[in-house]
Amino acid sequence: MAFRGAGPISDSGRPIYVSQSWGGFLQQSGFQTGQLLNRRSVYGRLQYYYRLLDVPLFEGLYAGVAGEIGSYGQPVIEGNPQGTIYSGAAYLAFDSPIGPMYLGYGLAKGGSQALYFFLGRP
């Protein structure tokens, strides 16, 4: 489970360089990394993974799924989505000698989708 929020406390405008980008693997997985750039955001994720195999050198192979929901305010870039966004991810992961590796697929309501190969912790 994960939660995250960002945005100004007051209603006064803030410069674009203070805005937080969002999107990517296990961060509204149906969108590309950094695709969402809004003035306010609230995000939550429920995630489950299961160990499929014990592999001696790699310590294990896992399959996982995640359900994500986010609420995004006024977009900084015209055309970016705003409002409530639902997305999800399905992935395979394994522990390698150089760190965890993930191969995943993300889908967001509205048809936005992305494929991921990720090395390290997301």
PDB file of N, CA and C in Angstrom:
ATOM      1  N   MET A   1       0.845  -1.161   0.000  1.00  0.00           N
ATOM      2  CA  MET A   1       0.000   0.000   0.000  1.00  0.00           C
ATOM      3  C   MET A   1       0.896   1.232   0.000  1.00  0.00           C
ATOM      4  N   ALA A   2       0.528   2.219  -0.773  1.00  0.00           N
ATOM      5  CA  ALA A   2       1.298   3.460  -0.842  1.00  0.00           C
ATOM      6  C   ALA A   2       0.349   4.631  -1.040  1.00  0.00           C
ATOM      7  N   PHE A   3       0.709   5.770  -0.462  1.00  0.00           N
ATOM      8  CA  PHE A   3      -0.039   7.010  -0.621  1.00  0.00           C
ATOM      9  C   PHE A   3       0.945   8.139  -0.900  1.00  0.00           C
ATOM     10  N   ARG A   4       0.454   9.148  -1.644  1.00  0.00           N
ATOM     11  CA  ARG A   4       1.300  10.303  -1.926  1.00  0.00           C
ATOM     12  C   ARG A   4       0.411  11.481  -2.277  1.00  0.00           C
ATOM     13  N   GLY A   5       0.829  12.668  -1.887  1.00  0.00           N
ATOM     14  CA  GLY A   5       0.110  13.880  -2.240  1.00  0.00           C
ATOM     15  C   GLY A   5       1.088  15.014  -2.440  1.00  0.00           C
ATOM     16  N   ALA A   6       0.724  15.958  -3.295  1.00  0.00           N
ATOM     17  CA  ALA A   6       1.583  17.118  -3.538  1.00  0.00           C
ATOM     18  C   ALA A   6       0.712  18.289  -3.968  1.00  0.00           C
ATOM     19  N   GLY A   7       1.125  19.465  -3.599  1.00  0.00           N
ATOM     20  CA  GLY A   7       0.416  20.666  -4.019  1.00  0.00           C
ATOM     21  C   GLY A   7       0.573  21.767  -2.993  1.00  0.00           C
ATOM     22  N   PRO A   8       0.217  22.973  -3.380  1.00  0.00           N
ATOM     23  CA  PRO A   8       0.349  24.113  -2.461  1.00  0.00           C
ATOM     24  C   PRO A   8      -0.722  24.080  -1.381  1.00  0.00           C
ATOM     25  N   ILE A   9      -0.400  24.624  -0.217  1.00  0.00           N
ATOM     26  CA  ILE A   9      -1.360  24.709   0.880  1.00  0.00           C
ATOM     27  C   ILE A   9      -2.373  25.812   0.593  1.00  0.00           C
ATOM     28  N   SER A  10      -1.924  26.915   0.047  1.00  0.00           N
ATOM     29  CA  SER A  10      -2.826  28.036  -0.269  1.00  0.00           C
ATOM     30  C   SER A  10      -3.264  27.944  -1.726  1.00  0.00           C
ATOM     31  N   ASP A  11      -4.206  28.772  -2.096  1.00  0.00           N
ATOM     32  CA  ASP A  11      -4.686  28.797  -3.474  1.00  0.00           C
ATOM     33  C   ASP A  11      -3.849  29.683  -4.387  1.00  0.00           C
ATOM     34  N   SER A  12      -2.827  30.303  -3.841  1.00  0.00           N
ATOM     35  CA  SER A  12      -1.991  31.160  -4.683  1.00  0.00           C
ATOM     36  C   SER A  12      -1.227  30.302  -5.687  1.00  0.00           C
ATOM     37  N   GLY A  13      -1.001  30.868  -6.862  1.00  0.00           N
ATOM     38  CA  GLY A  13      -0.286  30.132  -7.898  1.00  0.00           C
ATOM     39  C   GLY A  13       1.156  29.868  -7.487  1.00  0.00           C
ATOM     40  N   ARG A  14       1.704  28.811  -7.998  1.00  0.00           N
ATOM     41  CA  ARG A  14       3.107  28.536  -7.742  1.00  0.00           C
ATOM     42  C   ARG A  14       3.790  28.292  -9.073  1.00  0.00           C
ATOM     43  N   PRO A  15       5.068  28.566  -9.143  1.00  0.00           N
ATOM     44  CA  PRO A  15       5.784  28.432 -10.422  1.00  0.00           C
ATOM     45  C   PRO A  15       5.803  26.987 -10.920  1.00  0.00           C
ATOM     46  N   ILE A  16       5.904  26.819 -12.212  1.00  0.00           N
ATOM     47  CA  ILE A  16       5.890  25.489 -12.829  1.00  0.00           C
ATOM     48  C   ILE A  16       7.055  24.622 -12.334  1.00  0.00           C
ATOM     49  N   TYR A  17       8.191  25.224 -12.028  1.00  0.00           N
ATOM     50  CA  TYR A  17       9.343  24.424 -11.604  1.00  0.00           C
ATOM     51  C   TYR A  17       9.149  23.792 -10.233  1.00  0.00           C
ATOM     52  N   VAL A  18       8.116  24.165  -9.495  1.00  0.00           N
ATOM     53  CA  VAL A  18       7.834  23.566  -8.193  1.00  0.00           C
ATOM     54  C   VAL A  18       6.881  22.377  -8.341  1.00  0.00           C
ATOM     55  N   SER A  19       6.202  22.239  -9.476  1.00  0.00           N
ATOM     56  CA  SER A  19       5.244  21.162  -9.711  1.00  0.00           C
ATOM     57  C   SER A  19       5.962  19.809  -9.732  1.00  0.00           C
ATOM     58  N   GLN A  20       5.226  18.764  -9.352  1.00  0.00           N
ATOM     59  CA  GLN A  20       5.762  17.410  -9.310  1.00  0.00           C
ATOM     60  C   GLN A  20       5.273  16.622 -10.522  1.00  0.00           C
ATOM     61  N   SER A  21       6.180  15.961 -11.211  1.00  0.00           N
ATOM     62  CA  SER A  21       5.751  15.094 -12.310  1.00  0.00           C
ATOM     63  C   SER A  21       5.435  13.715 -11.725  1.00  0.00           C
ATOM     64  N   TRP A  22       4.536  13.002 -12.395  1.00  0.00           N
ATOM     65  CA  TRP A  22       4.082  11.707 -11.905  1.00  0.00           C
ATOM     66  C   TRP A  22       3.761  10.837 -13.096  1.00  0.00           C
ATOM     67  N   GLY A  23       3.646   9.575 -12.893  1.00  0.00           N
ATOM     68  CA  GLY A  23       3.390   8.617 -13.964  1.00  0.00           C
ATOM     69  C   GLY A  23       4.573   7.683 -14.090  1.00  0.00           C
ATOM     70  N   GLY A  24       4.320   6.502 -14.576  1.00  0.00           N
ATOM     71  CA  GLY A  24       5.366   5.501 -14.726  1.00  0.00           C
ATOM     72  C   GLY A  24       5.037   4.240 -13.964  1.00  0.00           C
ATOM     73  N   PHE A  25       5.978   3.341 -13.895  1.00  0.00           N
ATOM     74  CA  PHE A  25       5.775   2.039 -13.271  1.00  0.00           C
ATOM     75  C   PHE A  25       5.401   2.188 -11.798  1.00  0.00           C
ATOM     76  N   LEU A  26       4.246   1.666 -11.435  1.00  0.00           N
ATOM     77  CA  LEU A  26       3.671   1.721 -10.086  1.00  0.00           C
ATOM     78  C   LEU A  26       3.462   3.154  -9.596  1.00  0.00           C
ATOM     79  N   GLN A  27       3.245   4.073 -10.528  1.00  0.00           N
ATOM     80  CA  GLN A  27       2.940   5.479 -10.235  1.00  0.00           C
ATOM     81  C   GLN A  27       1.974   5.970 -11.319  1.00  0.00           C
ATOM     82  N   GLN A  28       0.757   5.441 -11.342  1.00  0.00           N
ATOM     83  CA  GLN A  28      -0.211   5.575 -12.442  1.00  0.00           C
ATOM     84  C   GLN A  28       0.386   4.872 -13.655  1.00  0.00           C
ATOM     85  N   SER A  29       0.473   3.559 -13.565  1.00  0.00           N
ATOM     86  CA  SER A  29       1.212   2.718 -14.503  1.00  0.00           C
ATOM     87  C   SER A  29       0.766   2.798 -15.957  1.00  0.00           C
ATOM     88  N   GLY A  30      -0.449   3.257 -16.229  1.00  0.00           N
ATOM     89  CA  GLY A  30      -0.897   3.368 -17.610  1.00  0.00           C
ATOM     90  C   GLY A  30      -0.283   4.544 -18.346  1.00  0.00           C
ATOM     91  N   PHE A  31       0.460   5.390 -17.635  1.00  0.00           N
ATOM     92  CA  PHE A  31       1.066   6.578 -18.232  1.00  0.00           C
ATOM     93  C   PHE A  31       2.588   6.442 -18.247  1.00  0.00           C
ATOM     94  N   GLN A  32       3.216   7.121 -19.182  1.00  0.00           N
ATOM     95  CA  GLN A  32       4.669   7.100 -19.258  1.00  0.00           C
ATOM     96  C   GLN A  32       5.278   7.840 -18.075  1.00  0.00           C
ATOM     97  N   THR A  33       6.510   7.543 -17.773  1.00  0.00           N
ATOM     98  CA  THR A  33       7.213   8.179 -16.662  1.00  0.00           C
ATOM     99  C   THR A  33       7.224   9.697 -16.838  1.00  0.00           C
ATOM    100  N   GLY A  34       6.714  10.405 -15.826  1.00  0.00           N
ATOM    101  CA  GLY A  34       6.702  11.855 -15.835  1.00  0.00           C
ATOM    102  C   GLY A  34       5.635  12.493 -16.701  1.00  0.00           C
ATOM    103  N   GLN A  35       4.728  11.709 -17.281  1.00  0.00           N
ATOM    104  CA  GLN A  35       3.727  12.256 -18.195  1.00  0.00           C
ATOM    105  C   GLN A  35       2.714  13.163 -17.500  1.00  0.00           C
ATOM    106  N   LEU A  36       2.381  12.884 -16.246  1.00  0.00           N
ATOM    107  CA  LEU A  36       1.398  13.688 -15.520  1.00  0.00           C
ATOM    108  C   LEU A  36       2.105  14.817 -14.784  1.00  0.00           C
ATOM    109  N   LEU A  37       1.720  16.041 -15.087  1.00  0.00           N
ATOM    110  CA  LEU A  37       2.302  17.215 -14.440  1.00  0.00           C
ATOM    111  C   LEU A  37       1.151  18.156 -14.103  1.00  0.00           C
ATOM    112  N   ASN A  38       0.738  18.101 -12.831  1.00  0.00           N
ATOM    113  CA  ASN A  38      -0.414  18.865 -12.377  1.00  0.00           C
ATOM    114  C   ASN A  38      -0.039  19.678 -11.151  1.00  0.00           C
ATOM    115  N   ARG A  39      -0.834  20.696 -10.861  1.00  0.00           N
ATOM    116  CA  ARG A  39      -0.555  21.578  -9.721  1.00  0.00           C
ATOM    117  C   ARG A  39      -0.843  20.907  -8.385  1.00  0.00           C
ATOM    118  N   ARG A  40      -1.823  20.029  -8.326  1.00  0.00           N
ATOM    119  CA  ARG A  40      -2.146  19.276  -7.105  1.00  0.00           C
ATOM    120  C   ARG A  40      -2.357  17.817  -7.468  1.00  0.00           C
ATOM    121  N   SER A  41      -1.976  16.921  -6.561  1.00  0.00           N
ATOM    122  CA  SER A  41      -2.205  15.503  -6.812  1.00  0.00           C
ATOM    123  C   SER A  41      -2.315  14.738  -5.497  1.00  0.00           C
ATOM    124  N   VAL A  42      -3.146  13.698  -5.529  1.00  0.00           N
ATOM    125  CA  VAL A  42      -3.265  12.735  -4.433  1.00  0.00           C
ATOM    126  C   VAL A  42      -3.291  11.372  -5.098  1.00  0.00           C
ATOM    127  N   TYR A  43      -2.510  10.433  -4.585  1.00  0.00           N
ATOM    128  CA  TYR A  43      -2.333   9.133  -5.230  1.00  0.00           C
ATOM    129  C   TYR A  43      -2.357   8.020  -4.183  1.00  0.00           C
ATOM    130  N   GLY A  44      -2.939   6.884  -4.550  1.00  0.00           N
ATOM    131  CA  GLY A  44      -2.921   5.709  -3.686  1.00  0.00           C
ATOM    132  C   GLY A  44      -2.793   4.439  -4.505  1.00  0.00           C
ATOM    133  N   ARG A  45      -2.166   3.424  -3.908  1.00  0.00           N
ATOM    134  CA  ARG A  45      -1.941   2.156  -4.610  1.00  0.00           C
ATOM    135  C   ARG A  45      -2.100   0.989  -3.650  1.00  0.00           C
ATOM    136  N   LEU A  46      -2.773  -0.060  -4.102  1.00  0.00           N
ATOM    137  CA  LEU A  46      -2.794  -1.350  -3.426  1.00  0.00           C
ATOM    138  C   LEU A  46      -2.055  -2.322  -4.322  1.00  0.00           C
ATOM    139  N   GLN A  47      -1.171  -3.107  -3.730  1.00  0.00           N
ATOM    140  CA  GLN A  47      -0.299  -3.971  -4.516  1.00  0.00           C
ATOM    141  C   GLN A  47      -0.219  -5.340  -3.862  1.00  0.00           C
ATOM    142  N   TYR A  48      -0.155  -6.381  -4.696  1.00  0.00           N
ATOM    143  CA  TYR A  48       0.010  -7.746  -4.199  1.00  0.00           C
ATOM    144  C   TYR A  48       1.010  -8.452  -5.098  1.00  0.00           C
ATOM    145  N   TYR A  49       1.937  -9.182  -4.501  1.00  0.00           N
ATOM    146  CA  TYR A  49       2.840 -10.009  -5.295  1.00  0.00           C
ATOM    147  C   TYR A  49       2.999 -11.368  -4.632  1.00  0.00           C
ATOM    148  N   TYR A  50       3.351 -12.371  -5.456  1.00  0.00           N
ATOM    149  CA  TYR A  50       3.450 -13.754  -5.002  1.00  0.00           C
ATOM    150  C   TYR A  50       4.729 -14.364  -5.552  1.00  0.00           C
ATOM    151  N   ARG A  51       5.455 -15.072  -4.706  1.00  0.00           N
ATOM    152  CA  ARG A  51       6.695 -15.736  -5.149  1.00  0.00           C
ATOM    153  C   ARG A  51       6.327 -16.990  -5.924  1.00  0.00           C
ATOM    154  N   LEU A  52       6.721 -17.022  -7.194  1.00  0.00           N
ATOM    155  CA  LEU A  52       6.432 -18.159  -8.061  1.00  0.00           C
ATOM    156  C   LEU A  52       7.474 -19.264  -7.943  1.00  0.00           C
ATOM    157  N   LEU A  53       8.744 -18.889  -7.915  1.00  0.00           N
ATOM    158  CA  LEU A  53       9.845 -19.852  -7.904  1.00  0.00           C
ATOM    159  C   LEU A  53      10.956 -19.392  -6.979  1.00  0.00           C
ATOM    160  N   ASP A  54      11.670 -20.358  -6.414  1.00  0.00           N
ATOM    161  CA  ASP A  54      12.923 -20.070  -5.715  1.00  0.00           C
ATOM    162  C   ASP A  54      14.050 -20.436  -6.666  1.00  0.00           C
ATOM    163  N   VAL A  55      14.787 -19.438  -7.107  1.00  0.00           N
ATOM    164  CA  VAL A  55      15.899 -19.648  -8.024  1.00  0.00           C
ATOM    165  C   VAL A  55      17.167 -19.323  -7.257  1.00  0.00           C
ATOM    166  N   PRO A  56      18.100 -20.295  -7.092  1.00  0.00           N
ATOM    167  CA  PRO A  56      19.255 -20.086  -6.208  1.00  0.00           C
ATOM    168  C   PRO A  56      20.065 -18.819  -6.473  1.00  0.00           C
ATOM    169  N   LEU A  57      20.445 -18.537  -7.694  1.00  0.00           N
ATOM    170  CA  LEU A  57      21.269 -17.371  -7.979  1.00  0.00           C
ATOM    171  C   LEU A  57      20.466 -16.074  -7.896  1.00  0.00           C
ATOM    172  N   PHE A  58      19.215 -16.122  -8.313  1.00  0.00           N
ATOM    173  CA  PHE A  58      18.406 -14.916  -8.395  1.00  0.00           C
ATOM    174  C   PHE A  58      17.456 -14.733  -7.213  1.00  0.00           C
ATOM    175  N   GLU A  59      17.384 -15.655  -6.292  1.00  0.00           N
ATOM    176  CA  GLU A  59      16.604 -15.578  -5.060  1.00  0.00           C
ATOM    177  C   GLU A  59      15.099 -15.614  -5.238  1.00  0.00           C
ATOM    178  N   GLY A  60      14.577 -15.613  -6.439  1.00  0.00           N
ATOM    179  CA  GLY A  60      13.143 -15.748  -6.611  1.00  0.00           C
ATOM    180  C   GLY A  60      12.579 -15.037  -7.824  1.00  0.00           C
ATOM    181  N   LEU A  61      11.463 -15.584  -8.279  1.00  0.00           N
ATOM    182  CA  LEU A  61      10.690 -14.998  -9.367  1.00  0.00           C
ATOM    183  C   LEU A  61       9.312 -14.691  -8.807  1.00  0.00           C
ATOM    184  N   TYR A  62       8.805 -13.494  -9.062  1.00  0.00           N
ATOM    185  CA  TYR A  62       7.545 -13.034  -8.487  1.00  0.00           C
ATOM    186  C   TYR A  62       6.597 -12.580  -9.588  1.00  0.00           C
ATOM    187  N   ALA A  63       5.301 -12.715  -9.319  1.00  0.00           N
ATOM    188  CA  ALA A  63       4.265 -12.133 -10.162  1.00  0.00           C
ATOM    189  C   ALA A  63       3.479 -11.176  -9.281  1.00  0.00           C
ATOM    190  N   GLY A  64       3.114 -10.033  -9.837  1.00  0.00           N
ATOM    191  CA  GLY A  64       2.404  -9.054  -9.026  1.00  0.00           C
ATOM    192  C   GLY A  64       1.374  -8.274  -9.817  1.00  0.00           C
ATOM    193  N   VAL A  65       0.442  -7.685  -9.071  1.00  0.00           N
ATOM    194  CA  VAL A  65      -0.576  -6.796  -9.641  1.00  0.00           C
ATOM    195  C   VAL A  65      -0.718  -5.589  -8.724  1.00  0.00           C
ATOM    196  N   ALA A  66      -1.158  -4.481  -9.288  1.00  0.00           N
ATOM    197  CA  ALA A  66      -1.382  -3.266  -8.505  1.00  0.00           C
ATOM    198  C   ALA A  66      -2.597  -2.539  -9.047  1.00  0.00           C
ATOM    199  N   GLY A  67      -3.405  -2.003  -8.143  1.00  0.00           N
ATOM    200  CA  GLY A  67      -4.520  -1.138  -8.493  1.00  0.00           C
ATOM    201  C   GLY A  67      -4.195   0.262  -8.006  1.00  0.00           C
ATOM    202  N   GLU A  68      -4.359   1.272  -8.849  1.00  0.00           N
ATOM    203  CA  GLU A  68      -3.945   2.633  -8.522  1.00  0.00           C
ATOM    204  C   GLU A  68      -5.090   3.608  -8.779  1.00  0.00           C
ATOM    205  N   ILE A  69      -5.172   4.627  -7.936  1.00  0.00           N
ATOM    206  CA  ILE A  69      -6.151   5.695  -8.123  1.00  0.00           C
ATOM    207  C   ILE A  69      -5.463   7.015  -7.791  1.00  0.00           C
ATOM    208  N   GLY A  70      -5.744   8.011  -8.581  1.00  0.00           N
ATOM    209  CA  GLY A  70      -5.160   9.325  -8.340  1.00  0.00           C
ATOM    210  C   GLY A  70      -6.175  10.412  -8.630  1.00  0.00           C
ATOM    211  N   SER A  71      -6.051  11.507  -7.944  1.00  0.00           N
ATOM    212  CA  SER A  71      -6.872  12.685  -8.188  1.00  0.00           C
ATOM    213  C   SER A  71      -5.922  13.830  -8.510  1.00  0.00           C
ATOM    214  N   TYR A  72      -6.100  14.417  -9.683  1.00  0.00           N
ATOM    215  CA  TYR A  72      -5.164  15.413 -10.168  1.00  0.00           C
ATOM    216  C   TYR A  72      -5.882  16.713 -10.478  1.00  0.00           C
ATOM    217  N   GLY A  73      -5.301  17.806 -10.042  1.00  0.00           N
ATOM    218  CA  GLY A  73      -5.871  19.135 -10.252  1.00  0.00           C
ATOM    219  C   GLY A  73      -5.545  19.681 -11.628  1.00  0.00           C
ATOM    220  N   GLN A  74      -5.553  20.982 -11.730  1.00  0.00           N
ATOM    221  CA  GLN A  74      -5.320  21.671 -12.993  1.00  0.00           C
ATOM    222  C   GLN A  74      -3.982  21.250 -13.600  1.00  0.00           C
ATOM    223  N   PRO A  75      -3.992  20.796 -14.860  1.00  0.00           N
ATOM    224  CA  PRO A  75      -2.735  20.384 -15.485  1.00  0.00           C
ATOM    225  C   PRO A  75      -1.840  21.575 -15.801  1.00  0.00           C
ATOM    226  N   VAL A  76      -0.550  21.360 -15.695  1.00  0.00           N
ATOM    227  CA  VAL A  76       0.426  22.381 -16.052  1.00  0.00           C
ATOM    228  C   VAL A  76       0.574  22.432 -17.570  1.00  0.00           C
ATOM    229  N   ILE A  77       0.486  21.277 -18.210  1.00  0.00           N
ATOM    230  CA  ILE A  77       0.598  21.173 -19.660  1.00  0.00           C
ATOM    231  C   ILE A  77      -0.793  20.941 -20.234  1.00  0.00           C
ATOM    232  N   GLU A  78      -1.202  21.790 -21.151  1.00  0.00           N
ATOM    233  CA  GLU A  78      -2.528  21.678 -21.769  1.00  0.00           C
ATOM    234  C   GLU A  78      -2.714  20.290 -22.366  1.00  0.00           C
ATOM    235  N   GLY A  79      -3.868  19.678 -22.090  1.00  0.00           N
ATOM    236  CA  GLY A  79      -4.162  18.354 -22.624  1.00  0.00           C
ATOM    237  C   GLY A  79      -3.845  17.221 -21.668  1.00  0.00           C
ATOM    238  N   ASN A  80      -3.064  17.476 -20.609  1.00  0.00           N
ATOM    239  CA  ASN A  80      -2.831  16.432 -19.606  1.00  0.00           C
ATOM    240  C   ASN A  80      -4.137  16.120 -18.900  1.00  0.00           C
ATOM    241  N   PRO A  81      -4.335  14.863 -18.492  1.00  0.00           N
ATOM    242  CA  PRO A  81      -5.577  14.528 -17.803  1.00  0.00           C
ATOM    243  C   PRO A  81      -5.665  15.193 -16.433  1.00  0.00           C
ATOM    244  N   GLN A  82      -6.902  15.399 -15.983  1.00  0.00           N
ATOM    245  CA  GLN A  82      -7.131  15.891 -14.637  1.00  0.00           C
ATOM    246  C   GLN A  82      -8.359  15.185 -14.096  1.00  0.00           C
ATOM    247  N   GLY A  83      -8.604  15.331 -12.802  1.00  0.00           N
ATOM    248  CA  GLY A  83      -9.710  14.629 -12.166  1.00  0.00           C
ATOM    249  C   GLY A  83      -9.230  13.287 -11.629  1.00  0.00           C
ATOM    250  N   THR A  84     -10.159  12.360 -11.443  1.00  0.00           N
ATOM    251  CA  THR A  84      -9.829  11.037 -10.899  1.00  0.00           C
ATOM    252  C   THR A  84      -9.379  10.110 -12.018  1.00  0.00           C
ATOM    253  N   ILE A  85      -8.245   9.464 -11.812  1.00  0.00           N
ATOM    254  CA  ILE A  85      -7.671   8.552 -12.803  1.00  0.00           C
ATOM    255  C   ILE A  85      -7.478   7.184 -12.153  1.00  0.00           C
ATOM    256  N   TYR A  86      -7.995   6.152 -12.808  1.00  0.00           N
ATOM    257  CA  TYR A  86      -7.822   4.773 -12.355  1.00  0.00           C
ATOM    258  C   TYR A  86      -6.816   4.094 -13.277  1.00  0.00           C
ATOM    259  N   SER A  87      -5.920   3.328 -12.689  1.00  0.00           N
ATOM    260  CA  SER A  87      -4.969   2.579 -13.502  1.00  0.00           C
ATOM    261  C   SER A  87      -4.554   1.321 -12.749  1.00  0.00           C
ATOM    262  N   GLY A  88      -3.839   0.459 -13.445  1.00  0.00           N
ATOM    263  CA  GLY A  88      -3.373  -0.774 -12.834  1.00  0.00           C
ATOM    264  C   GLY A  88      -2.149  -1.301 -13.544  1.00  0.00           C
ATOM    265  N   ALA A  89      -1.527  -2.270 -12.914  1.00  0.00           N
ATOM    266  CA  ALA A  89      -0.314  -2.856 -13.477  1.00  0.00           C
ATOM    267  C   ALA A  89      -0.276  -4.346 -13.183  1.00  0.00           C
ATOM    268  N   ALA A  90       0.329  -5.086 -14.082  1.00  0.00           N
ATOM    269  CA  ALA A  90       0.658  -6.496 -13.872  1.00  0.00           C
ATOM    270  C   ALA A  90       2.134  -6.633 -14.217  1.00  0.00           C
ATOM    271  N   TYR A  91       2.875  -7.413 -13.416  1.00  0.00           N
ATOM    272  CA  TYR A  91       4.312  -7.483 -13.655  1.00  0.00           C
ATOM    273  C   TYR A  91       4.911  -8.804 -13.194  1.00  0.00           C
ATOM    274  N   LEU A  92       6.072  -9.100 -13.753  1.00  0.00           N
ATOM    275  CA  LEU A  92       6.944 -10.176 -13.287  1.00  0.00           C
ATOM    276  C   LEU A  92       8.195  -9.510 -12.740  1.00  0.00           C
ATOM    277  N   ALA A  93       8.725 -10.042 -11.664  1.00  0.00           N
ATOM    278  CA  ALA A  93       9.930  -9.465 -11.062  1.00  0.00           C
ATOM    279  C   ALA A  93      10.841 -10.590 -10.604  1.00  0.00           C
ATOM    280  N   PHE A  94      12.140 -10.326 -10.634  1.00  0.00           N
ATOM    281  CA  PHE A  94      13.071 -11.265 -10.020  1.00  0.00           C
ATOM    282  C   PHE A  94      14.249 -10.521  -9.434  1.00  0.00           C
ATOM    283  N   ASP A  95      14.807 -11.132  -8.398  1.00  0.00           N
ATOM    284  CA  ASP A  95      15.988 -10.576  -7.739  1.00  0.00           C
ATOM    285  C   ASP A  95      17.214 -11.044  -8.497  1.00  0.00           C
ATOM    286  N   SER A  96      17.996 -10.111  -8.986  1.00  0.00           N
ATOM    287  CA  SER A  96      19.215 -10.446  -9.711  1.00  0.00           C
ATOM    288  C   SER A  96      20.418  -9.947  -8.902  1.00  0.00           C
ATOM    289  N   PRO A  97      21.617 -10.375  -9.261  1.00  0.00           N
ATOM    290  CA  PRO A  97      22.807  -9.894  -8.557  1.00  0.00           C
ATOM    291  C   PRO A  97      23.017  -8.379  -8.664  1.00  0.00           C
ATOM    292  N   ILE A  98      22.437  -7.736  -9.670  1.00  0.00           N
ATOM    293  CA  ILE A  98      22.598  -6.282  -9.808  1.00  0.00           C
ATOM    294  C   ILE A  98      21.373  -5.502  -9.310  1.00  0.00           C
ATOM    295  N   GLY A  99      20.414  -6.192  -8.730  1.00  0.00           N
ATOM    296  CA  GLY A  99      19.229  -5.538  -8.173  1.00  0.00           C
ATOM    297  C   GLY A  99      17.952  -6.144  -8.710  1.00  0.00           C
ATOM    298  N   PRO A 100      16.805  -5.732  -8.168  1.00  0.00           N
ATOM    299  CA  PRO A 100      15.536  -6.272  -8.650  1.00  0.00           C
ATOM    300  C   PRO A 100      15.238  -5.809 -10.075  1.00  0.00           C
ATOM    301  N   MET A 101      14.658  -6.700 -10.870  1.00  0.00           N
ATOM    302  CA  MET A 101      14.289  -6.391 -12.249  1.00  0.00           C
ATOM    303  C   MET A 101      12.796  -6.635 -12.415  1.00  0.00           C
ATOM    304  N   TYR A 102      12.129  -5.734 -13.146  1.00  0.00           N
ATOM    305  CA  TYR A 102      10.696  -5.823 -13.354  1.00  0.00           C
ATOM    306  C   TYR A 102      10.383  -5.746 -14.845  1.00  0.00           C
ATOM    307  N   LEU A 103       9.438  -6.543 -15.280  1.00  0.00           N
ATOM    308  CA  LEU A 103       8.863  -6.451 -16.606  1.00  0.00           C
ATOM    309  C   LEU A 103       7.372  -6.277 -16.384  1.00  0.00           C
ATOM    310  N   GLY A 104       6.823  -5.123 -16.765  1.00  0.00           N
ATOM    311  CA  GLY A 104       5.447  -4.827 -16.416  1.00  0.00           C
ATOM    312  C   GLY A 104       4.643  -4.213 -17.540  1.00  0.00           C
ATOM    313  N   TYR A 105       3.331  -4.243 -17.344  1.00  0.00           N
ATOM    314  CA  TYR A 105       2.369  -3.651 -18.265  1.00  0.00           C
ATOM    315  C   TYR A 105       1.413  -2.798 -17.444  1.00  0.00           C
ATOM    316  N   GLY A 106       1.186  -1.571 -17.870  1.00  0.00           N
ATOM    317  CA  GLY A 106       0.267  -0.674 -17.184  1.00  0.00           C
ATOM    318  C   GLY A 106      -0.857  -0.240 -18.093  1.00  0.00           C
ATOM    319  N   LEU A 107      -2.047  -0.090 -17.514  1.00  0.00           N
ATOM    320  CA  LEU A 107      -3.227   0.317 -18.254  1.00  0.00           C
ATOM    321  C   LEU A 107      -4.010   1.311 -17.416  1.00  0.00           C
ATOM    322  N   ALA A 108      -4.456   2.405 -18.022  1.00  0.00           N
ATOM    323  CA  ALA A 108      -5.268   3.407 -17.334  1.00  0.00           C
ATOM    324  C   ALA A 108      -6.638   3.476 -17.995  1.00  0.00           C
ATOM    325  N   LYS A 109      -7.644   3.827 -17.192  1.00  0.00           N
ATOM    326  CA  LYS A 109      -8.984   4.010 -17.728  1.00  0.00           C
ATOM    327  C   LYS A 109      -8.918   5.087 -18.808  1.00  0.00           C
ATOM    328  N   GLY A 110      -9.523   4.825 -19.927  1.00  0.00           N
ATOM    329  CA  GLY A 110      -9.439   5.736 -21.064  1.00  0.00           C
ATOM    330  C   GLY A 110      -8.530   5.192 -22.145  1.00  0.00           C
ATOM    331  N   GLY A 111      -7.828   4.086 -21.875  1.00  0.00           N
ATOM    332  CA  GLY A 111      -7.031   3.424 -22.897  1.00  0.00           C
ATOM    333  C   GLY A 111      -5.550   3.706 -22.906  1.00  0.00           C
ATOM    334  N   SER A 112      -5.064   4.594 -22.067  1.00  0.00           N
ATOM    335  CA  SER A 112      -3.623   4.853 -22.019  1.00  0.00           C
ATOM    336  C   SER A 112      -2.921   3.614 -21.468  1.00  0.00           C
ATOM    337  N   GLN A 113      -1.829   3.193 -22.117  1.00  0.00           N
ATOM    338  CA  GLN A 113      -1.114   1.999 -21.682  1.00  0.00           C
ATOM    339  C   GLN A 113       0.388   2.156 -21.884  1.00  0.00           C
ATOM    340  N   ALA A 114       1.151   1.353 -21.149  1.00  0.00           N
ATOM    341  CA  ALA A 114       2.608   1.441 -21.218  1.00  0.00           C
ATOM    342  C   ALA A 114       3.228   0.093 -20.866  1.00  0.00           C
ATOM    343  N   LEU A 115       4.379  -0.179 -21.434  1.00  0.00           N
ATOM    344  CA  LEU A 115       5.192  -1.352 -21.095  1.00  0.00           C
ATOM    345  C   LEU A 115       6.437  -0.865 -20.359  1.00  0.00           C
ATOM    346  N   TYR A 116       6.915  -1.674 -19.414  1.00  0.00           N
ATOM    347  CA  TYR A 116       8.060  -1.272 -18.611  1.00  0.00           C
ATOM    348  C   TYR A 116       9.068  -2.393 -18.459  1.00  0.00           C
ATOM    349  N   PHE A 117      10.318  -2.030 -18.542  1.00  0.00           N
ATOM    350  CA  PHE A 117      11.429  -2.848 -18.055  1.00  0.00           C
ATOM    351  C   PHE A 117      12.142  -1.961 -17.066  1.00  0.00           C
ATOM    352  N   PHE A 118      12.206  -2.395 -15.838  1.00  0.00           N
ATOM    353  CA  PHE A 118      12.705  -1.544 -14.757  1.00  0.00           C
ATOM    354  C   PHE A 118      13.762  -2.290 -13.982  1.00  0.00           C
ATOM    355  N   LEU A 119      14.888  -1.642 -13.737  1.00  0.00           N
ATOM    356  CA  LEU A 119      15.972  -2.196 -12.928  1.00  0.00           C
ATOM    357  C   LEU A 119      16.128  -1.334 -11.683  1.00  0.00           C
ATOM    358  N   GLY A 120      16.026  -1.929 -10.513  1.00  0.00           N
ATOM    359  CA  GLY A 120      16.097  -1.194  -9.252  1.00  0.00           C
ATOM    360  C   GLY A 120      14.716  -1.108  -8.625  1.00  0.00           C
ATOM    361  N   ARG A 121      14.633  -0.448  -7.502  1.00  0.00           N
ATOM    362  CA  ARG A 121      13.347  -0.308  -6.810  1.00  0.00           C
ATOM    363  C   ARG A 121      12.550   0.841  -7.421  1.00  0.00           C
ATOM    364  N   PRO A 122      11.284   0.560  -7.773  1.00  0.00           N
ATOM    365  CA  PRO A 122      10.454   1.623  -8.356  1.00  0.00           C
ATOM    366  C   PRO A 122      10.066   2.681  -7.331  1.00  0.00           C
TER     367      PRO A 122
END
